[in-house]
C-alpha atoms as a PDB file:
ATOM      1  CA  MET A   1     -68.137-123.779 -15.044  1.00  0.00           C
ATOM      2  CA  ASN A   2     -68.555-122.296 -18.554  1.00  0.00           C
ATOM      3  CA  PHE A   3     -64.842-121.815 -20.100  1.00  0.00           C
ATOM      4  CA  LEU A   4     -65.828-118.222 -20.838  1.00  0.00           C
ATOM      5  CA  ASP A   5     -68.318-117.235 -17.897  1.00  0.00           C
ATOM      6  CA  PRO A   6     -68.698-113.659 -17.034  1.00  0.00           C
ATOM      7  CA  SER A   7     -65.812-112.951 -14.688  1.00  0.00           C
ATOM      8  CA  ARG A   8     -63.170-114.881 -16.944  1.00  0.00           C
ATOM      9  CA  LYS A   9     -64.713-112.692 -19.991  1.00  0.00           C
ATOM     10  CA  ALA A  10     -64.224-109.575 -18.347  1.00  0.00           C
ATOM     11  CA  MET A  11     -60.517-110.813 -17.391  1.00  0.00           C
ATOM     12  CA  VAL A  12     -59.953-111.361 -20.927  1.00  0.00           C
ATOM     13  CA  ARG A  13     -61.322-108.041 -22.367  1.00  0.00           C
ATOM     14  CA  ASN A  14     -59.219-106.098 -19.830  1.00  0.00           C
ATOM     15  CA  SER A  15     -56.054-107.468 -20.044  1.00  0.00           C
ATOM     16  CA  LEU A  16     -53.336-106.384 -22.194  1.00  0.00           C
ATOM     17  CA  TRP A  17     -51.621-109.865 -22.941  1.00  0.00           C
ATOM     18  CA  PRO A  18     -47.883-109.541 -22.671  1.00  0.00           C
ATOM     19  CA  CYS A  19     -46.856-108.767 -26.160  1.00  0.00           C
ATOM     20  CA  LEU A  20     -50.033-109.812 -27.505  1.00  0.00           C
ATOM     21  CA  HIS A  21     -53.251-107.511 -28.178  1.00  0.00           C
ATOM     22  CA  ARG A  22     -56.658-108.198 -26.872  1.00  0.00           C
ATOM     23  CA  TYR A  23     -57.698-107.390 -30.593  1.00  0.00           C
ATOM     24  CA  ALA A  24     -57.679-111.119 -31.180  1.00  0.00           C
ATOM     25  CA  VAL A  25     -60.068-112.032 -28.063  1.00  0.00           C
ATOM     26  CA  LEU A  26     -62.584-109.067 -29.509  1.00  0.00           C
ATOM     27  CA  THR A  27     -63.197-110.571 -32.844  1.00  0.00           C
ATOM     28  CA  PRO A  28     -63.038-114.031 -34.609  1.00  0.00           C
ATOM     29  CA  PHE A  29     -61.632-112.755 -37.559  1.00  0.00           C
ATOM     30  CA  LYS A  30     -58.519-114.445 -38.616  1.00  0.00           C
ATOM     31  CA  PRO A  31     -56.369-113.150 -41.407  1.00  0.00           C
ATOM     32  CA  LYS A  32     -55.059-115.598 -44.191  1.00  0.00           C
ATOM     33  CA  LYS A  33     -51.070-114.653 -43.655  1.00  0.00           C
ATOM     34  CA  THR A  34     -51.609-116.184 -40.280  1.00  0.00           C
ATOM     35  CA  VAL A  35     -52.338-119.729 -38.813  1.00  0.00           C
ATOM     36  CA  ASN A  36     -55.449-120.110 -36.840  1.00  0.00           C
ATOM     37  CA  ALA A  37     -55.057-121.684 -33.003  1.00  0.00           C
ATOM     38  CA  PHE A  38     -56.429-124.980 -33.997  1.00  0.00           C
ATOM     39  CA  GLU A  39     -54.216-125.382 -37.214  1.00  0.00           C
ATOM     40  CA  ILE A  40     -51.401-124.775 -34.614  1.00  0.00           C
ATOM     41  CA  TYR A  41     -52.699-127.550 -32.281  1.00  0.00           C
ATOM     42  CA  GLN A  42     -52.913-129.689 -35.604  1.00  0.00           C
ATOM     43  CA  LYS A  43     -49.421-129.125 -36.664  1.00  0.00           C
ATOM     44  CA  ILE A  44     -47.070-128.626 -33.797  1.00  0.00           C
ATOM     45  CA  ASP A  45     -44.877-131.381 -32.145  1.00  0.00           C
ATOM     46  CA  PRO A  46     -46.631-132.490 -28.624  1.00  0.00           C
ATOM     47  CA  SER A  47     -44.080-131.504 -26.560  1.00  0.00           C
ATOM     48  CA  PRO A  48     -44.558-127.887 -25.878  1.00  0.00           C
ATOM     49  CA  ILE A  49     -48.590-128.449 -25.793  1.00  0.00           C
ATOM     50  CA  SER A  50     -47.703-131.185 -23.059  1.00  0.00           C
ATOM     51  CA  ASP A  51     -45.700-128.624 -21.244  1.00  0.00           C
ATOM     52  CA  MET A  52     -48.220-126.189 -21.497  1.00  0.00           C
ATOM     53  CA  PHE A  53     -51.179-128.160 -20.025  1.00  0.00           C
ATOM     54  CA  LEU A  54     -48.900-129.440 -17.214  1.00  0.00           C
ATOM     55  CA  TRP A  55     -48.323-125.803 -16.171  1.00  0.00           C
ATOM     56  CA  ILE A  56     -51.816-124.930 -16.381  1.00  0.00           C
ATOM     57  CA  ARG A  57     -52.933-127.786 -14.414  1.00  0.00           C
ATOM     58  CA  GLU A  58     -49.922-126.859 -11.769  1.00  0.00           C
ATOM     59  CA  ASN A  59     -50.596-123.203 -11.365  1.00  0.00           C
ATOM     60  CA  ASP A  60     -54.433-122.366 -12.884  1.00  0.00           C
ATOM     61  CA  ARG A  61     -56.280-125.662 -11.857  1.00  0.00           C
ATOM     62  CA  GLN A  62     -59.555-123.855 -12.399  1.00  0.00           C
ATOM     63  CA  LEU A  63     -58.840-123.188 -15.736  1.00  0.00           C
ATOM     64  CA  TYR A  64     -57.717-126.413 -16.450  1.00  0.00           C
ATOM     65  CA  LYS A  65     -60.997-127.790 -15.268  1.00  0.00           C
ATOM     66  CA  SER A  66     -63.069-125.293 -17.131  1.00  0.00           C
ATOM     67  CA  ALA A  67     -61.047-126.140 -20.301  1.00  0.00           C
ATOM     68  CA  ILE A  68     -61.894-129.485 -19.833  1.00  0.00           C
ATOM     69  CA  ALA A  69     -65.650-129.028 -19.077  1.00  0.00           C
ATOM     70  CA  THR A  70     -65.940-126.700 -22.103  1.00  0.00           C
ATOM     71  CA  LEU A  71     -64.478-128.977 -24.640  1.00  0.00           C
ATOM     72  CA  THR A  72     -66.463-132.056 -23.213  1.00  0.00           C
ATOM     73  CA  ALA A  73     -69.772-130.158 -23.178  1.00  0.00           C
ATOM     74  CA  ASN A  74     -68.832-129.355 -26.779  1.00  0.00           C
ATOM     75  CA  ARG A  75     -68.470-132.748 -27.845  1.00  0.00           C
ATOM     76  CA  ASN A  76     -71.914-133.816 -25.818  1.00  0.00           C
ATOM     77  CA  LEU A  77     -69.612-135.811 -22.960  1.00  0.00           C
ATOM     78  CA  ARG A  78     -69.639-135.341 -19.332  1.00  0.00           C
ATOM     79  CA  SER A  79     -66.363-134.051 -17.799  1.00  0.00           C
ATOM     80  CA  VAL A  80     -66.255-137.141 -15.754  1.00  0.00           C
ATOM     81  CA  PHE A  81     -65.103-139.095 -19.171  1.00  0.00           C
ATOM     82  CA  VAL A  82     -61.805-137.002 -19.255  1.00  0.00           C
ATOM     83  CA  GLU A  83     -61.390-136.462 -15.244  1.00  0.00           C
ATOM     84  CA  LYS A  84     -61.078-140.100 -14.730  1.00  0.00           C
ATOM     85  CA  LYS A  85     -58.150-140.633 -17.229  1.00  0.00           C
ATOM     86  CA  SER A  86     -54.714-140.137 -16.031  1.00  0.00           C
ATOM     87  CA  VAL A  87     -52.900-136.965 -16.418  1.00  0.00           C
ATOM     88  CA  SER A  88     -50.821-138.010 -19.681  1.00  0.00           C
ATOM     89  CA  GLU A  89     -54.461-139.494 -21.088  1.00  0.00           C
ATOM     90  CA  GLN A  90     -55.907-136.062 -20.309  1.00  0.00           C
ATOM     91  CA  ILE A  91     -53.382-133.873 -21.836  1.00  0.00           C
ATOM     92  CA  SER A  92     -53.943-136.453 -25.211  1.00  0.00           C
ATOM     93  CA  TRP A  93     -57.449-135.612 -25.152  1.00  0.00           C
ATOM     94  CA  LEU A  94     -57.200-132.206 -24.577  1.00  0.00           C
ATOM     95  CA  HIS A  95     -54.584-131.522 -27.214  1.00  0.00           C
ATOM     96  CA  LYS A  96     -56.366-134.005 -29.940  1.00  0.00           C
ATOM     97  CA  THR A  97     -59.935-131.904 -29.141  1.00  0.00           C
ATOM     98  CA  LEU A  98     -58.321-128.468 -29.611  1.00  0.00           C
ATOM     99  CA  LYS A  99     -57.273-129.446 -33.331  1.00  0.00           C
ATOM    100  CA  LEU A 100     -60.958-129.088 -34.192  1.00  0.00           C
ATOM    101  CA  LYS A 101     -62.007-125.935 -35.668  1.00  0.00           C
ATOM    102  CA  THR A 102     -64.576-125.516 -32.902  1.00  0.00           C
ATOM    103  CA  SER A 103     -62.382-125.345 -30.411  1.00  0.00           C
ATOM    104  CA  ASP A 104     -60.326-122.386 -32.043  1.00  0.00           C
ATOM    105  CA  THR A 105     -61.392-119.851 -29.466  1.00  0.00           C
ATOM    106  CA  ILE A 106     -60.728-122.033 -26.706  1.00  0.00           C
ATOM    107  CA  GLY A 107     -57.531-123.115 -27.938  1.00  0.00           C
ATOM    108  CA  GLU A 108     -56.250-119.421 -28.467  1.00  0.00           C
ATOM    109  CA  HIS A 109     -57.466-118.349 -25.053  1.00  0.00           C
ATOM    110  CA  LEU A 110     -55.283-120.994 -23.577  1.00  0.00           C
ATOM    111  CA  PHE A 111     -52.114-119.991 -25.407  1.00  0.00           C
ATOM    112  CA  GLN A 112     -52.644-116.600 -24.274  1.00  0.00           C
ATOM    113  CA  VAL A 113     -52.915-117.411 -20.631  1.00  0.00           C
ATOM    114  CA  TYR A 114     -49.992-119.654 -20.842  1.00  0.00           C
ATOM    115  CA  PHE A 115     -47.677-117.125 -22.276  1.00  0.00           C
ATOM    116  CA  MET A 116     -49.218-114.116 -20.186  1.00  0.00           C
ATOM    117  CA  LYS A 117     -48.396-116.028 -16.903  1.00  0.00           C
ATOM    118  CA  GLY A 118     -45.938-118.743 -17.830  1.00  0.00           C
ATOM    119  CA  GLN A 119     -43.464-117.331 -19.992  1.00  0.00           C
ATOM    120  CA  GLN A 120     -43.180-113.848 -19.041  1.00  0.00           C
ATOM    121  CA  GLU A 121     -39.242-114.260 -19.726  1.00  0.00           C
ATOM    122  CA  LEU A 122     -39.723-114.917 -23.564  1.00  0.00           C
ATOM    123  CA  LEU A 123     -42.134-112.378 -23.862  1.00  0.00           C
ATOM    124  CA  ILE A 124     -39.955-109.450 -21.989  1.00  0.00           C
ATOM    125  CA  GLY A 125     -37.086-110.965 -24.496  1.00  0.00           C
ATOM    126  CA  PHE A 126     -39.311-110.241 -27.461  1.00  0.00           C
ATOM    127  CA  CYS A 127     -40.681-106.888 -26.195  1.00  0.00           C
ATOM    128  CA  ASP A 128     -37.164-105.339 -25.245  1.00  0.00           C
ATOM    129  CA  GLY A 129     -35.506-106.759 -28.399  1.00  0.00           C
ATOM    130  CA  MET A 130     -38.092-105.086 -30.776  1.00  0.00           C
ATOM    131  CA  GLY A 131     -38.222-102.217 -28.858  1.00  0.00           C
ATOM    132  CA  ILE A 132     -42.148-102.612 -27.869  1.00  0.00           C
ATOM    133  CA  GLU A 133     -43.138-100.673 -24.739  1.00  0.00           C
ATOM    134  CA  HIS A 134     -44.086-102.722 -21.913  1.00  0.00           C
ATOM    135  CA  ASP A 135     -44.594-102.664 -18.120  1.00  0.00           C
ATOM    136  CA  GLY A 136     -41.761-104.967 -17.250  1.00  0.00           C
ATOM    137  CA  GLU A 137     -43.382-108.265 -17.269  1.00  0.00           C
ATOM    138  CA  GLY A 138     -44.209-108.087 -21.021  1.00  0.00           C
ATOM    139  CA  SER A 139     -47.583-106.632 -21.178  1.00  0.00           C
ATOM    140  CA  VAL A 140     -47.877-104.388 -23.802  1.00  0.00           C
ATOM    141  CA  GLU A 141     -49.152-100.853 -22.645  1.00  0.00           C
ATOM    142  CA  GLY A 142     -49.872 -99.177 -25.898  1.00  0.00           C
ATOM    143  CA  ALA A 143     -50.960 -99.986 -29.269  1.00  0.00           C
ATOM    144  CA  LEU A 144     -48.596-102.806 -31.382  1.00  0.00           C
ATOM    145  CA  PRO A 145     -46.364-101.669 -33.921  1.00  0.00           C
ATOM    146  CA  GLU A 146     -47.891-101.319 -37.345  1.00  0.00           C
ATOM    147  CA  THR A 147     -44.688-102.553 -38.799  1.00  0.00           C
ATOM    148  CA  LEU A 148     -41.590-104.938 -37.570  1.00  0.00           C
ATOM    149  CA  ASP A 149     -38.374-103.744 -38.285  1.00  0.00           C
ATOM    150  CA  ASP A 150     -36.401-106.688 -40.257  1.00  0.00           C
ATOM    151  CA  GLU A 151     -33.081-106.416 -38.537  1.00  0.00           C
ATOM    152  CA  LYS A 152     -34.399-106.001 -34.821  1.00  0.00           C
ATOM    153  CA  LEU A 153     -36.925-109.124 -35.938  1.00  0.00           C
ATOM    154  CA  LYS A 154     -34.061-111.428 -36.846  1.00  0.00           C
ATOM    155  CA  SER A 155     -31.808-110.520 -33.907  1.00  0.00           C
ATOM    156  CA  THR A 156     -34.458-110.917 -31.533  1.00  0.00           C
ATOM    157  CA  ILE A 157     -35.515-114.400 -33.052  1.00  0.00           C
ATOM    158  CA  ASP A 158     -31.838-115.602 -33.050  1.00  0.00           C
ATOM    159  CA  ASN A 159     -31.672-114.395 -29.144  1.00  0.00           C
ATOM    160  CA  LEU A 160     -34.999-116.071 -28.177  1.00  0.00           C
ATOM    161  CA  ILE A 161     -33.728-119.579 -29.947  1.00  0.00           C
ATOM    162  CA  GLU A 162     -30.486-119.064 -28.283  1.00  0.00           C
ATOM    163  CA  ALA A 163     -32.194-118.846 -24.771  1.00  0.00           C
ATOM    164  CA  HIS A 164     -35.348-120.919 -25.231  1.00  0.00           C
ATOM    165  CA  ASP A 165     -36.645-124.021 -26.770  1.00  0.00           C
ATOM    166  CA  PRO A 166     -37.322-123.051 -30.449  1.00  0.00           C
ATOM    167  CA  LYS A 167     -40.586-124.938 -30.557  1.00  0.00           C
ATOM    168  CA  LEU A 168     -41.692-122.811 -27.886  1.00  0.00           C
ATOM    169  CA  VAL A 169     -40.122-119.608 -29.582  1.00  0.00           C
ATOM    170  CA  THR A 170     -42.199-120.423 -32.628  1.00  0.00           C
ATOM    171  CA  LEU A 171     -45.308-121.280 -30.654  1.00  0.00           C
ATOM    172  CA  TYR A 172     -45.010-117.763 -28.968  1.00  0.00           C
ATOM    173  CA  LEU A 173     -44.418-115.911 -32.867  1.00  0.00           C
ATOM    174  CA  ARG A 174     -47.363-117.680 -34.364  1.00  0.00           C
ATOM    175  CA  ILE A 175     -49.615-116.540 -31.361  1.00  0.00           C
ATOM    176  CA  PHE A 176     -48.264-112.982 -31.646  1.00  0.00           C
ATOM    177  CA  ASN A 177     -48.738-112.924 -35.236  1.00  0.00           C
ATOM    178  CA  LEU A 178     -52.637-113.286 -34.753  1.00  0.00           C
ATOM    179  CA  GLN A 179     -52.881-110.077 -32.578  1.00  0.00           C
ATOM    180  CA  THR A 180     -53.243-107.618 -35.558  1.00  0.00           C
ATOM    181  CA  PRO A 181     -55.876-108.351 -38.314  1.00  0.00           C
ATOM    182  CA  ASN A 182     -53.591-109.251 -41.159  1.00  0.00           C
ATOM    183  CA  GLY A 183     -50.320-110.265 -39.234  1.00  0.00           C
ATOM    184  CA  TRP A 184     -47.041-108.613 -39.758  1.00  0.00           C
ATOM    185  CA  GLU A 185     -45.699-109.708 -43.409  1.00  0.00           C
ATOM    186  CA  ASN A 186     -42.120-110.069 -42.494  1.00  0.00           C
ATOM    187  CA  LEU A 187     -42.697-112.197 -39.579  1.00  0.00           C
ATOM    188  CA  ALA A 188     -44.929-114.430 -41.585  1.00  0.00           C
ATOM    189  CA  LYS A 189     -42.342-115.035 -43.886  1.00  0.00           C
ATOM    190  CA  THR A 190     -39.875-115.815 -41.435  1.00  0.00           C
ATOM    191  CA  LEU A 191     -42.208-118.496 -39.789  1.00  0.00           C
ATOM    192  CA  GLU A 192     -42.237-119.946 -43.215  1.00  0.00           C
ATOM    193  CA  SER A 193     -38.522-119.804 -44.135  1.00  0.00           C
ATOM    194  CA  ASP A 194     -36.738-120.162 -41.108  1.00  0.00           C
ATOM    195  CA  GLU A 195     -36.399-123.831 -40.528  1.00  0.00           C
ATOM    196  CA  ARG A 196     -35.480-123.389 -36.768  1.00  0.00           C
ATOM    197  CA  LEU A 197     -39.141-122.099 -36.624  1.00  0.00           C
ATOM    198  CA  ASN A 198     -40.769-125.328 -37.946  1.00  0.00           C
ATOM    199  CA  LEU A 199     -44.182-126.178 -35.741  1.00  0.00           C
ATOM    200  CA  VAL A 200     -42.908-130.328 -36.056  1.00  0.00           C
END
């Protein structure tokens, strides 16, 4: 199956990502203030990426298979080349391949699905902390805010880091910052200056 087959494209376009925004799915534009998905895969510690793929493999096997099929096809390989590997080797290959610029759209989609379905508690915590209206499961029901309050952002990040793995928190915040054309300046500065939010 093509990774972005018609049914999955429809799902992407019609979904309101949890405390994410569908804008990033509808346009390839990436602002300079943000880090692209493929760059996140390049820089982040392997542990949260491994956790993400293990979760996807367990909870959305079709997505997992589609990711392998599309990424292998993009490199002129047969999917069996990866499927015959052990699970840990499959994940290592996926992570390595998603570091390529040509894999950016697929990589961001995987992040979005993972947070939307697999990390709702984190998303709810962020939405509630920032005062962003959502449906009770972290899905934003209106437009994202044009600005983020500095004090709310600081206290929300503190609370998230206390409750979750800091690597998972920084991963989510970087994906969240892709959801508006220019990112949020204070969030971008925090991601660069707060040592707790380092990718590695």
